[in-house]
Amino acid sequence: MNQEGKKKLYIDWMLIIPIVLLAVFGLVMVYSASFVQGYEDYQDISYFFQQQLKWLVISVLLFTFFMFVPYRHYRKMSTVIVFGSIIILSLVVFTKLGYNVNGSTRWIVIAGNRIQPSEFVKLGSIIYLAYVYSRKQAYINKFFSGVLPPLIVVIVFFALIMKQPDLGTATSIVMVAGLIAFCSGARMFHLISLGSIAVWALYNYAQSETYRLNRLIGYQNPFELADTSGYQLIQSYIAIAHGGLTGAGFGQSVQKLFYLPEAHTDFILAIVSEELGIIGIAFVFACITVIVFRGVMIGIRCKDSFGSLLALGIVFQLCIQVIFNAGAVSGLLPITGIPFPFVSYGGSSLLVVFISMGILANISRRTERERQERSEEEVVEETAAPSFKSVNSSLRAVKSIGNKQ
């Protein structure tokens, strides 16, 4: 096989292996956490497992596709992505296409499957911000011309998602936007000022409705609201305490027997802890750590500013989801309804995280190819150098003979 063929076949196994491990682990844990619920709702203990398996197969196909599609093509699509995101979010919020679950209208139904558009908007906003900020490098320190214009689009996304309402997703998009702006070279004063305004606005928003305020109080003092907003967190505590170091054993969770709501979705980490203990949690976070580390290295090594910001944005989004979910399950943060990447049940989340990882793998492939090309050029130059030296020596010898004559 020639050198060009080797370049095309480069695959970042350090990124892919932990993704595969987490996806398989998540599929198994979805079955364990949901078989009681599946029998209760559908008289089929494998119902949620089958649904997750279907989405996982589609996700793997999309991952493979995006791993081989050059990421630089997305620069041309940024405008389409922005308008498409606004349109689909508007359809969810302002039309009857929006599907309501537990008081929130976050989904649309396509061919019998519920799709959550805001999950795709998270990735779309990263692509858009990476593209725009990569073009503003020359004047990124200027607030009104450099930093602010792309954030206006993010504010529109935020407002539409908050209408659903979905505070967790909306907040994650804003946080990722700030981190991408920071990596672009924006002045810290500008970012701190914007961040302060955002925190103030979120605080006032949380206090504007009783149920939102109860969520904050519930996570801070769950035992004072044990029958209402603190109930879910208390059940999560019980699951974690029951698991201990080694867990009660696979399939032996008690809390999934209708004690812990959303056991196979937002609170699946509590079931992992109960059945597999701290060891199971350590495995999950070890895989996430490898993915994050590899993603950061890909972003740092990429010489293209768009590719670098895109890679880092994907990693930031992954980290924020992990922090929000784990924080909610452990009581360190309010419950936001953010799923845990790769592990929680949910088709939209799984699709988007695999597409994101596919794009990250493509950036890694492109960066490695460029590194190989630079190495080859250096080898050619080093090989050519002795030839030039020998030619120069010959010329000097001829000149010396001529002088003697």
Protein backbone atom coordinates (compact mmCIF):
# COMPACT_ATOMS: atom_id res chain seq x y z
CA MET A 1 0.00 0.00 0.00
CA ASN A 2 1.38 3.44 -0.93
CA GLN A 3 1.84 6.33 1.47
CA GLU A 4 -1.26 8.16 0.23
CA GLY A 5 -3.41 5.13 0.99
CA LYS A 6 -2.09 5.03 4.54
CA LYS A 7 -3.05 8.66 5.04
CA LYS A 8 -6.62 8.09 3.92
CA LEU A 9 -7.05 5.12 6.22
CA TYR A 10 -5.81 6.86 9.37
CA ILE A 11 -8.25 6.24 12.23
CA ASP A 12 -7.94 7.76 15.68
CA TRP A 13 -8.36 4.63 17.81
CA MET A 14 -7.57 6.51 21.01
CA LEU A 15 -10.79 8.45 20.42
CA ILE A 16 -12.90 5.62 19.01
CA ILE A 17 -12.19 2.85 21.56
CA PRO A 18 -13.60 4.70 24.62
CA ILE A 19 -16.60 5.79 22.52
CA VAL A 20 -17.34 2.16 21.63
CA LEU A 21 -16.88 1.02 25.23
CA LEU A 22 -19.24 3.71 26.54
CA ALA A 23 -21.87 3.05 23.86
CA VAL A 24 -21.96 -0.69 24.56
CA PHE A 25 -21.94 -0.09 28.30
CA GLY A 26 -24.77 2.43 27.94
CA LEU A 27 -26.85 -0.01 25.89
CA VAL A 28 -26.48 -2.71 28.54
CA MET A 29 -27.32 -0.29 31.36
CA VAL A 30 -30.39 1.02 29.52
CA TYR A 31 -31.70 -2.56 29.44
CA SER A 32 -30.98 -3.08 33.12
CA ALA A 33 -32.49 0.25 34.18
CA SER A 34 -35.60 0.02 31.99
CA PHE A 35 -36.81 -3.59 31.76
CA VAL A 36 -39.30 -3.13 34.62
CA GLN A 37 -40.60 0.11 33.10
CA GLY A 38 -40.76 -1.55 29.69
CA TYR A 39 -42.91 -4.37 31.00
CA GLU A 40 -45.16 -1.95 32.88
CA ASP A 41 -45.73 0.39 29.91
CA TYR A 42 -45.43 -1.92 26.88
CA GLN A 43 -45.53 -5.49 28.25
CA ASP A 44 -42.07 -5.93 26.77
CA ILE A 45 -39.02 -5.97 29.04
CA SER A 46 -36.70 -5.19 26.10
CA TYR A 47 -38.73 -2.31 24.63
CA PHE A 48 -36.37 0.51 25.63
CA PHE A 49 -33.35 -1.67 24.86
CA GLN A 50 -34.60 -2.28 21.33
CA GLN A 51 -35.29 1.41 20.78
CA GLN A 52 -31.84 2.36 22.05
CA LEU A 53 -30.23 -0.33 19.89
CA LYS A 54 -32.01 1.05 16.83
CA TRP A 55 -30.74 4.56 17.54
CA LEU A 56 -27.26 3.24 18.29
CA VAL A 57 -27.04 1.49 14.91
CA ILE A 58 -28.11 4.69 13.13
CA SER A 59 -25.67 6.70 15.26
CA VAL A 60 -22.74 4.44 14.38
CA LEU A 61 -23.56 4.77 10.67
CA LEU A 62 -23.69 8.56 11.00
CA PHE A 63 -20.44 8.56 12.98
CA THR A 64 -18.73 6.65 10.15
CA PHE A 65 -20.18 9.00 7.54
CA PHE A 66 -19.12 12.20 9.33
CA MET A 67 -15.69 10.77 10.11
CA PHE A 68 -14.94 10.71 6.37
CA VAL A 69 -16.68 13.96 5.34
CA PRO A 70 -14.12 16.83 5.35
CA TYR A 71 -15.07 19.12 8.23
CA ARG A 72 -14.16 22.23 6.21
CA HIS A 73 -17.35 21.79 4.16
CA TYR A 74 -19.38 22.93 7.18
CA ARG A 75 -18.06 26.47 6.80
CA LYS A 76 -20.19 26.89 3.69
CA MET A 77 -23.23 25.57 5.55
CA SER A 78 -23.13 27.88 8.58
CA THR A 79 -25.83 30.26 7.31
CA VAL A 80 -28.13 27.37 6.40
CA ILE A 81 -27.51 25.82 9.82
CA VAL A 82 -28.48 29.06 11.61
CA PHE A 83 -31.71 29.62 9.70
CA GLY A 84 -32.59 25.92 9.81
CA SER A 85 -32.11 25.91 13.60
CA ILE A 86 -34.33 28.96 14.05
CA ILE A 87 -37.04 27.48 11.84
CA ILE A 88 -37.14 24.07 13.53
CA LEU A 89 -37.11 25.60 17.03
CA SER A 90 -39.95 27.92 15.99
CA LEU A 91 -41.95 24.93 14.73
CA VAL A 92 -41.58 23.27 18.13
CA VAL A 93 -42.58 26.36 20.09
CA PHE A 94 -45.19 28.09 17.93
CA THR A 95 -46.97 25.30 16.01
CA LYS A 96 -48.93 22.17 16.84
CA LEU A 97 -45.97 20.06 15.71
CA GLY A 98 -44.50 20.49 19.19
CA TYR A 99 -44.94 17.39 21.35
CA ASN A 100 -45.54 17.97 25.06
CA VAL A 101 -44.14 15.69 27.78
CA ASN A 102 -44.47 16.53 31.49
CA GLY A 103 -45.28 20.15 30.77
CA SER A 104 -42.38 20.76 28.36
CA THR A 105 -42.72 21.03 24.58
CA ARG A 106 -39.29 19.98 23.35
CA TRP A 107 -40.00 17.37 20.70
CA ILE A 108 -41.52 16.84 17.30
CA VAL A 109 -42.75 13.47 16.06
CA ILE A 110 -41.32 12.17 12.79
CA ALA A 111 -42.43 8.74 11.50
CA GLY A 112 -43.53 7.78 15.00
CA ASN A 113 -40.21 8.79 16.57
CA ARG A 114 -39.76 11.71 18.94
CA ILE A 115 -36.92 14.03 17.90
CA GLN A 116 -35.58 16.81 20.11
CA PRO A 117 -34.43 19.63 17.80
CA SER A 118 -32.56 21.52 20.52
CA GLU A 119 -30.04 18.66 20.67
CA PHE A 120 -29.14 19.29 17.03
CA VAL A 121 -29.09 23.05 17.59
CA LYS A 122 -26.32 22.53 20.18
CA LEU A 123 -24.06 21.13 17.46
CA GLY A 124 -25.25 23.66 14.89
CA SER A 125 -24.37 26.56 17.18
CA ILE A 126 -20.85 25.16 17.67
CA ILE A 127 -20.30 24.93 13.90
CA TYR A 128 -21.59 28.47 13.39
CA LEU A 129 -19.55 30.01 16.21
CA ALA A 130 -16.37 28.18 15.18
CA TYR A 131 -16.78 29.47 11.62
CA VAL A 132 -17.58 33.09 12.52
CA TYR A 133 -14.96 33.48 15.23
CA SER A 134 -12.30 31.88 13.03
CA ARG A 135 -12.92 34.71 10.55
CA LYS A 136 -12.78 37.44 13.21
CA GLN A 137 -9.29 36.68 14.52
CA ALA A 138 -7.89 40.01 13.31
CA TYR A 139 -10.35 42.05 15.41
CA ILE A 140 -11.59 39.58 18.05
CA ASN A 141 -10.55 42.03 20.80
CA LYS A 142 -13.19 44.52 19.60
CA PHE A 143 -16.50 43.97 21.37
CA PHE A 144 -19.11 45.32 18.95
CA SER A 145 -17.53 44.08 15.71
CA GLY A 146 -15.73 40.98 16.96
CA VAL A 147 -17.36 39.36 20.00
CA LEU A 148 -20.99 40.48 20.04
CA PRO A 149 -22.51 39.76 16.56
CA PRO A 150 -22.30 35.92 16.74
CA LEU A 151 -23.67 35.98 20.30
CA ILE A 152 -26.86 37.67 19.06
CA VAL A 153 -27.63 34.46 17.15
CA VAL A 154 -26.95 32.47 20.32
CA ILE A 155 -29.38 34.70 22.23
CA VAL A 156 -32.06 33.91 19.65
CA PHE A 157 -31.41 30.17 20.12
CA PHE A 158 -31.50 30.67 23.89
CA ALA A 159 -34.83 32.50 23.80
CA LEU A 160 -36.51 29.89 21.59
CA ILE A 161 -35.27 26.98 23.71
CA MET A 162 -36.36 28.72 26.92
CA LYS A 163 -39.87 28.94 25.47
CA GLN A 164 -40.05 25.12 25.53
CA PRO A 165 -38.87 25.48 28.39
CA ASP A 166 -35.45 23.80 28.62
CA LEU A 167 -33.12 25.73 30.90
CA GLY A 168 -30.39 23.07 30.89
CA THR A 169 -29.93 22.93 27.11
CA ALA A 170 -30.25 26.70 26.71
CA THR A 171 -27.65 27.32 29.41
CA SER A 172 -25.23 24.77 27.92
CA ILE A 173 -25.39 26.52 24.54
CA VAL A 174 -24.58 29.88 26.13
CA MET A 175 -21.70 28.42 28.15
CA VAL A 176 -20.17 26.75 25.10
CA ALA A 177 -20.51 30.02 23.17
CA GLY A 178 -18.56 31.82 25.89
CA LEU A 179 -15.83 29.17 25.91
CA ILE A 180 -15.45 29.27 22.12
CA ALA A 181 -15.21 33.07 22.25
CA PHE A 182 -12.55 32.75 24.95
CA CYS A 183 -10.52 30.29 22.85
CA SER A 184 -10.86 32.67 19.91
CA GLY A 185 -8.94 35.30 21.83
CA ALA A 186 -11.77 37.53 23.09
CA ARG A 187 -10.85 39.89 25.91
CA MET A 188 -11.55 38.53 29.39
CA PHE A 189 -13.24 41.80 30.43
CA HIS A 190 -15.81 41.41 27.65
CA LEU A 191 -16.55 37.79 28.56
CA ILE A 192 -16.81 38.45 32.30
CA SER A 193 -19.19 41.34 31.65
CA LEU A 194 -21.41 39.21 29.41
CA GLY A 195 -21.24 36.30 31.85
CA SER A 196 -22.33 38.53 34.75
CA ILE A 197 -25.34 39.73 32.77
CA ALA A 198 -26.24 36.15 31.87
CA VAL A 199 -26.03 34.95 35.50
CA TRP A 200 -28.19 37.87 36.64
CA ALA A 201 -30.80 37.11 33.96
CA LEU A 202 -30.89 33.39 34.80
CA TYR A 203 -31.22 34.11 38.51
CA ASN A 204 -34.21 36.38 37.91
CA TYR A 205 -35.72 33.87 35.53
CA ALA A 206 -35.40 31.08 38.12
CA GLN A 207 -37.20 33.21 40.70
CA SER A 208 -40.01 34.19 38.34
CA GLU A 209 -41.91 30.89 38.75
CA THR A 210 -42.53 28.85 41.90
CA TYR A 211 -41.66 25.50 40.33
CA ARG A 212 -38.28 26.83 39.12
CA LEU A 213 -37.48 28.21 42.56
CA ASN A 214 -38.50 24.88 44.11
CA ARG A 215 -35.99 23.13 41.89
CA LEU A 216 -33.22 25.28 43.29
CA ILE A 217 -34.41 24.83 46.87
CA GLY A 218 -35.03 21.13 46.24
CA TYR A 219 -31.44 20.43 45.26
CA GLN A 220 -30.05 22.49 48.15
CA ASN A 221 -32.38 21.05 50.81
CA PRO A 222 -34.04 17.95 49.30
CA PHE A 223 -35.13 16.45 52.63
CA GLU A 224 -37.21 19.54 53.43
CA LEU A 225 -39.19 18.89 50.22
CA ALA A 226 -39.05 15.10 50.30
CA ASP A 227 -42.56 14.65 48.89
CA THR A 228 -42.23 17.18 46.07
CA SER A 229 -39.19 18.68 44.34
CA GLY A 230 -36.69 16.88 46.58
CA TYR A 231 -38.11 13.39 46.02
CA GLN A 232 -36.11 12.43 42.91
CA LEU A 233 -32.79 13.53 44.37
CA ILE A 234 -33.41 11.63 47.61
CA GLN A 235 -34.11 8.46 45.63
CA SER A 236 -30.86 9.06 43.73
CA TYR A 237 -29.01 9.35 47.04
CA ILE A 238 -30.49 6.03 48.16
CA ALA A 239 -29.37 4.34 44.93
CA ILE A 240 -25.83 5.67 45.28
CA ALA A 241 -25.64 4.66 48.94
CA HIS A 242 -26.98 1.17 48.16
CA GLY A 243 -24.30 0.59 45.54
CA GLY A 244 -21.27 1.39 47.65
CA LEU A 245 -17.90 0.38 46.23
CA THR A 246 -18.76 -2.71 44.18
CA GLY A 247 -22.53 -2.35 43.72
CA ALA A 248 -25.47 -4.65 44.38
CA GLY A 249 -24.88 -6.51 41.12
CA PHE A 250 -26.02 -6.10 37.54
CA GLY A 251 -29.81 -6.03 37.33
CA GLN A 252 -30.19 -5.88 41.13
CA SER A 253 -31.21 -2.24 41.47
CA VAL A 254 -34.11 -1.57 43.82
CA GLN A 255 -34.59 2.09 42.94
CA LYS A 256 -35.55 1.32 39.34
CA LEU A 257 -38.67 -0.46 40.69
CA PHE A 258 -40.64 2.80 40.29
CA TYR A 259 -38.90 4.59 43.16
CA LEU A 260 -36.51 6.68 41.07
CA PRO A 261 -38.18 8.64 38.21
CA GLU A 262 -36.32 8.76 34.88
CA ALA A 263 -34.11 5.86 35.96
CA HIS A 264 -33.07 4.96 32.41
CA THR A 265 -32.73 8.53 31.11
CA ASP A 266 -31.51 11.48 33.18
CA PHE A 267 -30.73 9.45 36.31
CA ILE A 268 -29.12 6.39 34.77
CA LEU A 269 -25.85 7.19 36.58
CA ALA A 270 -27.63 6.52 39.87
CA ILE A 271 -28.56 3.03 38.61
CA VAL A 272 -24.98 2.47 37.43
CA SER A 273 -23.80 3.40 40.91
CA GLU A 274 -26.36 1.16 42.59
CA GLU A 275 -25.65 -1.92 40.48
CA LEU A 276 -21.93 -1.55 39.76
CA GLY A 277 -20.83 0.77 42.55
CA ILE A 278 -18.03 3.28 42.46
CA ILE A 279 -16.14 0.91 40.16
CA GLY A 280 -18.84 1.28 37.50
CA ILE A 281 -18.86 5.06 37.85
CA ALA A 282 -15.05 5.11 37.64
CA PHE A 283 -15.21 3.16 34.35
CA VAL A 284 -17.66 5.66 32.87
CA PHE A 285 -15.59 8.68 33.86
CA ALA A 286 -12.34 7.05 32.76
CA CYS A 287 -13.79 6.66 29.24
CA ILE A 288 -15.09 10.24 29.27
CA THR A 289 -11.70 11.52 30.45
CA VAL A 290 -9.89 9.78 27.58
CA ILE A 291 -12.37 11.22 25.04
CA VAL A 292 -12.04 14.73 26.48
CA PHE A 293 -8.24 14.54 26.64
CA ARG A 294 -8.03 13.29 23.09
CA GLY A 295 -10.50 15.91 21.88
CA VAL A 296 -8.53 18.74 23.48
CA MET A 297 -5.31 17.45 21.91
CA ILE A 298 -7.01 17.32 18.50
CA GLY A 299 -8.17 20.92 18.92
CA ILE A 300 -4.73 22.12 20.02
CA ARG A 301 -2.85 20.31 17.23
CA CYS A 302 -5.18 21.45 14.45
CA LYS A 303 -3.51 24.34 12.58
CA ASP A 304 -6.79 25.51 11.02
CA SER A 305 -8.55 27.95 13.37
CA PHE A 306 -12.01 26.77 12.27
CA GLY A 307 -11.12 23.12 12.89
CA SER A 308 -9.49 23.93 16.22
CA LEU A 309 -12.49 25.92 17.52
CA LEU A 310 -14.89 23.27 16.21
CA ALA A 311 -13.04 20.47 18.01
CA LEU A 312 -12.79 22.42 21.26
CA GLY A 313 -16.46 23.43 21.05
CA ILE A 314 -17.50 19.77 20.71
CA VAL A 315 -15.36 18.85 23.71
CA PHE A 316 -16.77 21.74 25.77
CA GLN A 317 -20.34 20.64 24.99
CA LEU A 318 -19.55 17.07 26.02
CA CYS A 319 -17.96 18.24 29.29
CA ILE A 320 -20.89 20.51 30.16
CA GLN A 321 -23.40 17.70 29.58
CA VAL A 322 -21.38 15.38 31.81
CA ILE A 323 -21.07 18.02 34.55
CA PHE A 324 -24.76 18.98 34.44
CA ASN A 325 -25.96 15.38 34.52
CA ALA A 326 -23.53 14.07 37.14
CA GLY A 327 -24.08 17.21 39.22
CA ALA A 328 -27.86 16.69 39.20
CA VAL A 329 -27.60 12.99 40.09
CA SER A 330 -25.22 13.70 42.98
CA GLY A 331 -27.07 16.79 44.24
CA LEU A 332 -24.24 19.20 43.47
CA LEU A 333 -26.29 21.03 40.80
CA PRO A 334 -30.00 21.61 40.14
CA ILE A 335 -31.84 19.00 38.07
CA THR A 336 -31.86 20.24 34.47
CA GLY A 337 -32.98 17.23 32.44
CA ILE A 338 -29.66 16.90 30.60
CA PRO A 339 -28.90 13.27 29.60
CA PHE A 340 -25.52 11.67 30.19
CA PRO A 341 -23.66 11.30 26.84
CA PHE A 342 -23.52 7.77 25.36
CA VAL A 343 -25.20 6.20 28.41
CA SER A 344 -28.66 7.74 28.93
CA TYR A 345 -31.65 6.51 26.94
CA GLY A 346 -32.64 8.90 24.15
CA GLY A 347 -32.34 8.86 20.37
CA SER A 348 -31.71 12.56 19.69
CA SER A 349 -28.95 12.85 22.28
CA LEU A 350 -27.26 9.69 21.01
CA LEU A 351 -27.43 10.80 17.37
CA VAL A 352 -25.96 14.24 18.07
CA VAL A 353 -23.14 13.01 20.30
CA PHE A 354 -22.09 10.41 17.69
CA ILE A 355 -22.26 12.95 14.86
CA SER A 356 -20.14 15.30 16.98
CA MET A 357 -17.60 12.56 17.64
CA GLY A 358 -17.54 11.73 13.92
CA ILE A 359 -16.68 15.35 13.12
CA LEU A 360 -14.00 15.27 15.83
CA ALA A 361 -12.54 12.08 14.32
CA ASN A 362 -12.47 13.77 10.91
CA ILE A 363 -10.57 16.76 12.31
CA SER A 364 -8.12 14.28 13.82
CA ARG A 365 -7.70 12.51 10.45
CA ARG A 366 -7.12 15.79 8.63
CA THR A 367 -4.65 17.02 11.25
CA GLU A 368 -2.70 13.77 11.10
CA ARG A 369 -2.63 13.87 7.30
CA GLU A 370 -1.24 17.41 7.34
CA ARG A 371 1.35 16.35 9.92
CA GLN A 372 2.43 13.46 7.67
CA GLU A 373 2.65 15.79 4.69
CA ARG A 374 4.86 18.22 6.64
CA SER A 375 7.06 15.31 7.75
CA GLU A 376 7.41 14.11 4.16
CA GLU A 377 8.38 17.60 3.01
CA GLU A 378 11.05 17.79 5.70
CA VAL A 379 12.39 14.37 4.67
CA VAL A 380 12.52 15.47 1.02
CA GLU A 381 14.38 18.66 1.99
CA GLU A 382 16.85 16.71 4.13
CA THR A 383 17.38 14.20 1.32
CA ALA A 384 17.84 16.92 -1.24
CA ALA A 385 20.30 18.88 0.87
CA PRO A 386 23.29 16.49 0.40
CA SER A 387 22.75 16.57 -3.37
CA PHE A 388 23.03 20.34 -3.39
CA LYS A 389 26.16 20.10 -1.26
CA SER A 390 27.76 17.64 -3.66
CA VAL A 391 26.91 19.87 -6.64
CA ASN A 392 28.43 22.86 -4.88
CA SER A 393 31.57 20.82 -4.05
CA SER A 394 31.91 19.79 -7.69
CA LEU A 395 31.55 23.38 -8.84
CA ARG A 396 34.20 24.49 -6.39
CA ALA A 397 36.53 21.71 -7.58
CA VAL A 398 36.09 22.71 -11.24
CA LYS A 399 36.70 26.35 -10.38
CA SER A 400 39.86 25.41 -8.46
CA ILE A 401 41.21 23.44 -11.42
CA GLY A 402 40.49 26.36 -13.72
CA ASN A 403 42.37 28.75 -11.46
CA LYS A 404 45.43 26.46 -11.36
CA GLN A 405 45.48 26.34 -15.11
